[in-house]
Protein backbone atom coordinates (compact mmCIF):
# COMPACT_ATOMS: atom_id res chain seq x y z
CA UNK A 1 -7.03 -10.69 20.62
CA UNK A 2 -4.09 -9.78 22.87
CA UNK A 3 -3.17 -6.51 21.12
CA UNK A 4 -1.44 -3.71 23.00
CA UNK A 5 0.35 -1.74 20.31
CA UNK A 6 0.72 -1.62 16.52
CA UNK A 7 3.37 -1.66 13.80
CA UNK A 8 2.19 -0.25 10.47
CA UNK A 9 5.02 -1.72 8.38
CA UNK A 10 7.52 -4.55 8.87
CA UNK A 11 9.14 -7.48 7.07
CA UNK A 12 8.40 -10.57 9.13
CA UNK A 13 10.48 -13.12 7.26
CA UNK A 14 13.53 -10.88 6.91
CA UNK A 15 13.38 -10.21 10.65
CA UNK A 16 13.00 -13.91 11.45
CA UNK A 17 16.22 -14.69 9.57
CA UNK A 18 18.10 -12.28 11.86
CA UNK A 19 16.11 -12.84 15.04
CA UNK A 20 14.39 -16.26 15.25
CA UNK A 21 12.67 -15.25 18.51
CA UNK A 22 10.92 -12.31 16.83
CA UNK A 23 7.46 -13.86 16.81
CA UNK A 24 7.72 -14.73 20.50
CA UNK A 25 8.65 -11.12 21.24
CA UNK A 26 5.82 -9.80 19.10
CA UNK A 27 3.28 -11.93 20.93
CA UNK A 28 4.66 -11.05 24.35
CA UNK A 29 4.39 -7.33 23.54
CA UNK A 30 0.98 -7.71 21.90
CA UNK A 31 1.98 -6.06 18.62
CA UNK A 32 -0.68 -5.88 15.91
CA UNK A 33 1.31 -5.52 12.69
CA UNK A 34 1.12 -5.21 8.93
CA UNK A 35 3.75 -7.37 7.27
CA UNK A 36 5.10 -6.60 3.82
CA UNK A 37 6.43 -9.25 1.43
CA UNK A 38 7.96 -9.13 -2.04
CA UNK A 39 8.34 -12.81 -2.88
CA UNK A 40 6.41 -16.01 -2.29
CA UNK A 41 8.57 -17.31 0.54
CA UNK A 42 8.15 -14.05 2.45
CA UNK A 43 4.41 -14.02 1.92
CA UNK A 44 3.81 -17.63 2.91
CA UNK A 45 5.75 -17.12 6.14
CA UNK A 46 3.73 -14.10 7.20
CA UNK A 47 0.48 -15.76 6.11
CA UNK A 48 1.32 -18.79 8.28
CA UNK A 49 1.82 -16.51 11.29
CA UNK A 50 -1.43 -14.71 10.48
CA UNK A 51 -3.39 -17.97 10.53
CA UNK A 52 -1.73 -19.10 13.76
CA UNK A 53 -2.71 -15.85 15.46
CA UNK A 54 -6.30 -16.16 14.24
CA UNK A 55 -6.50 -19.69 15.59
CA UNK A 56 -5.08 -19.05 19.05
CA UNK A 57 -6.15 -15.45 19.66
CA UNK A 58 -2.69 -13.93 19.45
CA UNK A 59 -2.06 -10.38 18.22
CA UNK A 60 -3.06 -10.17 14.60
CA UNK A 61 -0.91 -9.96 11.49
CA UNK A 62 -2.08 -8.32 8.28
CA UNK A 63 -0.53 -9.55 5.04
CA UNK A 64 0.60 -7.14 2.33
CA UNK A 65 2.47 -7.80 -0.89
CA UNK A 66 4.10 -5.52 -3.43
CA UNK A 67 6.74 -5.33 -6.12
CA UNK A 68 9.18 -3.00 -4.38
CA UNK A 69 10.22 -0.03 -6.55
CA UNK A 70 13.87 -0.98 -6.08
CA UNK A 71 13.31 -4.41 -7.63
CA UNK A 72 13.72 -3.41 -11.29
CA UNK A 73 17.23 -2.18 -10.53
CA UNK A 74 18.24 -5.01 -8.18
CA UNK A 75 16.54 -8.10 -9.62
CA UNK A 76 16.25 -9.81 -12.98
CA UNK A 77 13.35 -8.92 -15.27
CA UNK A 78 11.92 -12.42 -14.81
CA UNK A 79 11.82 -11.98 -11.01
CA UNK A 80 9.97 -8.68 -11.37
CA UNK A 81 7.47 -10.31 -13.76
CA UNK A 82 6.94 -13.25 -11.42
CA UNK A 83 6.40 -10.95 -8.45
CA UNK A 84 3.86 -8.90 -10.41
CA UNK A 85 1.96 -12.03 -11.41
CA UNK A 86 2.00 -13.21 -7.79
CA UNK A 87 0.61 -9.87 -6.62
CA UNK A 88 -2.28 -10.19 -9.04
CA UNK A 89 -2.93 -13.80 -8.03
CA UNK A 90 -2.93 -13.06 -4.29
CA UNK A 91 -5.33 -10.17 -4.83
CA UNK A 92 -7.68 -12.33 -6.90
CA UNK A 93 -7.63 -14.97 -4.15
CA UNK A 94 -8.51 -12.31 -1.54
CA UNK A 95 -5.40 -13.12 0.50
CA UNK A 96 -4.19 -9.52 0.82
CA UNK A 97 -4.86 -6.93 3.52
CA UNK A 98 -2.90 -4.26 1.66
CA UNK A 99 -1.06 -3.60 -1.61
CA UNK A 100 2.59 -2.64 -1.37
CA UNK A 101 5.00 -1.48 -0.63
CA UNK A 102 4.97 0.28 -3.96
CA UNK A 103 5.88 3.75 -5.16
CA UNK A 104 9.02 5.38 -6.48
CA UNK A 105 12.66 5.26 -5.47
CA UNK A 106 14.75 7.89 -7.25
CA UNK A 107 17.43 8.08 -4.58
CA UNK A 108 20.40 7.57 -6.92
CA UNK A 109 21.24 6.97 -10.54
CA UNK A 110 20.86 3.21 -10.24
CA UNK A 111 17.21 3.59 -9.28
CA UNK A 112 16.50 6.62 -11.47
CA UNK A 113 17.46 4.52 -14.49
CA UNK A 114 14.37 2.35 -13.88
CA UNK A 115 11.90 5.23 -13.40
CA UNK A 116 9.78 4.26 -16.40
CA UNK A 117 9.47 0.69 -15.14
CA UNK A 118 8.60 1.98 -11.67
CA UNK A 119 5.81 4.06 -13.21
CA UNK A 120 4.31 1.01 -14.90
CA UNK A 121 4.52 -1.04 -11.72
CA UNK A 122 2.96 1.73 -9.67
CA UNK A 123 0.04 1.98 -12.09
CA UNK A 124 -0.54 -1.76 -11.75
CA UNK A 125 -0.51 -1.57 -7.94
CA UNK A 126 -2.96 1.34 -8.05
CA UNK A 127 -5.31 -0.62 -10.27
CA UNK A 128 -5.25 -3.65 -7.99
CA UNK A 129 -5.80 -1.57 -4.84
CA UNK A 130 -8.80 0.09 -6.48
CA UNK A 131 -10.24 -3.13 -7.87
CA UNK A 132 -10.10 -4.96 -4.53
CA UNK A 133 -10.71 -1.97 -2.22
CA UNK A 134 -7.37 -2.37 -0.43
CA UNK A 135 -5.11 0.21 1.22
CA UNK A 136 -1.96 1.16 -0.71
CA UNK A 137 1.38 1.22 1.14
CA UNK A 138 3.90 3.67 -0.31
CA UNK A 139 7.70 3.63 -0.44
CA UNK A 140 8.88 7.02 -1.70
CA UNK A 141 12.43 8.38 -1.85
CA UNK A 142 13.27 11.61 -3.65
CA UNK A 143 9.97 11.30 -5.52
CA UNK A 144 7.17 13.10 -3.66
CA UNK A 145 6.20 15.16 -6.77
CA UNK A 146 5.29 11.90 -8.52
CA UNK A 147 2.85 11.11 -5.70
CA UNK A 148 1.26 14.55 -5.92
CA UNK A 149 0.85 13.99 -9.65
CA UNK A 150 -1.32 10.95 -8.86
CA UNK A 151 -3.60 12.88 -6.50
CA UNK A 152 -6.85 12.40 -8.43
CA UNK A 153 -6.62 8.62 -8.47
CA UNK A 154 -5.21 8.39 -4.94
CA UNK A 155 -8.39 10.12 -3.70
CA UNK A 156 -10.33 7.06 -4.84
CA UNK A 157 -8.42 4.62 -2.65
CA UNK A 158 -9.63 3.25 0.67
CA UNK A 159 -6.42 4.55 2.27
CA UNK A 160 -2.88 5.57 1.34
CA UNK A 161 -0.22 4.71 3.93
CA UNK A 162 3.19 6.34 3.68
CA UNK A 163 5.75 3.88 5.02
CA UNK A 164 8.62 5.84 6.64
CA UNK A 165 6.99 9.11 5.60
CA UNK A 166 9.70 11.00 3.69
CA UNK A 167 8.12 14.44 3.50
CA UNK A 168 7.66 17.39 5.78
CA UNK A 169 4.74 18.98 7.57
CA UNK A 170 3.71 21.20 4.64
CA UNK A 171 3.71 18.33 2.12
CA UNK A 172 1.60 16.18 4.43
CA UNK A 173 -0.91 18.96 4.95
CA UNK A 174 -1.07 19.52 1.20
CA UNK A 175 -1.88 15.85 0.56
CA UNK A 176 -4.72 16.01 3.09
CA UNK A 177 -6.10 19.19 1.50
CA UNK A 178 -6.34 17.30 -1.77
CA UNK A 179 -8.82 14.94 -0.18
CA UNK A 180 -6.58 11.86 -0.04
CA UNK A 181 -7.28 9.49 2.86
CA UNK A 182 -3.59 9.48 3.76
CA UNK A 183 -1.79 8.19 6.84
CA UNK A 184 1.81 9.00 7.76
CA UNK A 185 3.88 6.25 9.35
CA UNK A 186 6.98 7.18 11.35
CA UNK A 187 9.87 4.98 12.39
CA UNK A 188 13.21 5.28 14.10
CA UNK A 189 14.17 8.33 12.03
CA UNK A 190 12.25 10.26 14.69
CA UNK A 191 14.45 8.87 17.47
CA UNK A 192 17.61 9.34 15.39
CA UNK A 193 16.91 13.07 15.10
CA UNK A 194 15.77 13.57 11.49
CA UNK A 195 14.40 17.08 11.87
CA UNK A 196 11.90 16.96 9.03
CA UNK A 197 10.39 13.72 10.37
CA UNK A 198 10.22 15.18 13.86
CA UNK A 199 8.42 18.33 12.70
CA UNK A 200 5.95 16.30 10.65
CA UNK A 201 5.34 13.85 13.49
CA UNK A 202 4.76 16.74 15.87
CA UNK A 203 2.46 18.78 13.66
CA UNK A 204 0.38 16.55 11.38
CA UNK A 205 -3.18 15.74 12.50
CA UNK A 206 -3.18 13.19 15.28
CA UNK A 207 -5.68 10.90 13.59
CA UNK A 208 -3.26 10.47 10.66
CA UNK A 209 -0.19 9.29 12.58
CA UNK A 210 1.11 5.70 12.56
CA UNK A 211 4.25 4.08 13.94
CA UNK A 212 6.38 1.36 12.41
CA UNK A 213 9.58 -0.59 12.89
CA UNK A 214 10.25 -1.41 9.21
CA UNK A 215 11.84 -4.40 10.93
CA UNK A 216 14.60 -5.29 10.47
CA UNK A 217 15.70 -2.31 8.36
CA UNK A 218 15.40 0.86 10.49
CA UNK A 219 17.90 -0.02 13.18
CA UNK A 220 18.90 2.28 16.01
CA UNK A 221 22.55 3.07 16.68
CA UNK A 222 24.34 0.21 18.35
CA UNK A 223 21.80 -2.41 17.28
CA UNK A 224 21.85 -4.96 14.50
CA UNK A 225 18.25 -4.55 13.40
CA UNK A 226 14.97 -2.90 14.30
CA UNK A 227 12.32 -4.91 16.14
CA UNK A 228 9.12 -4.69 18.19
CA UNK A 229 10.90 -3.41 21.27
CA UNK A 230 11.62 -0.18 19.38
CA UNK A 231 7.94 0.78 19.36
CA UNK A 232 7.94 1.89 23.01
CA UNK A 233 10.76 4.44 22.65
CA UNK A 234 9.29 5.59 19.33
CA UNK A 235 5.92 6.35 20.93
CA UNK A 236 7.67 8.18 23.76
CA UNK A 237 9.61 10.32 21.29
CA UNK A 238 6.47 11.20 19.32
CA UNK A 239 4.61 12.01 22.53
CA UNK A 240 7.33 14.45 23.62
CA UNK A 241 7.44 16.08 20.21
CA UNK A 242 3.69 16.53 20.00
CA UNK A 243 3.36 17.85 23.56
CA UNK A 244 6.12 20.38 22.90
CA UNK A 245 4.15 21.56 19.86
CA UNK A 246 0.90 21.80 21.78
CA UNK A 247 -0.58 18.56 20.44
CA UNK A 248 -1.41 15.26 22.09
CA UNK A 249 -0.58 11.79 20.79
CA UNK A 250 -3.79 10.07 19.71
CA UNK A 251 -4.63 6.39 19.77
CA UNK A 252 -2.13 5.09 17.25
CA UNK A 253 -3.73 1.67 17.34
CA UNK A 254 -7.14 3.12 16.44
CA UNK A 255 -5.43 4.94 13.56
CA UNK A 256 -3.93 1.63 12.41
CA UNK A 257 -7.34 -0.03 12.38
CA UNK A 258 -8.91 2.78 10.36
CA UNK A 259 -6.03 2.86 7.89
CA UNK A 260 -6.16 -0.89 7.23
CA UNK A 261 -9.94 -1.15 7.52
CA UNK A 262 -10.13 -3.68 10.34
């Protein structure tokens, strides 16, 4: 496999719609990635790329699926039900490398109004991840206490991967003390100067750090979308932050493989 770097969370089909050359760029840079889908079209696209890479020895793609916690507020009830049924079907067919992204989004009143539905969806994702021994990928905004409240069951999971880790250094350390096999994925918020992300990226244990593009959604200033080329500057930023704090940057790609069990 021609793998040189890794992306712990991205949206392959959404990026393709904005940047049709994305897969060529990914292969040229040797990016091992975990794609996240929330409908059938998304999933089938990333699964097609996964199979192509397996056949020709290109950098691998892992396929994840989840009912995004924003969906109850943004989509019709029928779409949420269909996505949940698809998640269960894909898990039963052993076509998933990870469950999610799932979690809680309480960023504003629109999303807070669906908190009860989000709780039910999260419980279903947890059950599937446990039943099929899959890592769980978290999306959390303004809702870290709800994750801490699930600590006992999260300890039973193969791995918990925070996409765009929203917390600080102390919260991350507290999750680890609870015995959760948790990984913290950082994106362009580090480059854009989000202080809490920078402190967490600098100080959390090196074997728990991941990088991501969240492509195409975590764009840098002056760009239209995030993409694989952002991973180089992101690694450089994390390296500087960790060195300034007396820490080294570990093998992020080895971390990726442990987190996703490959």
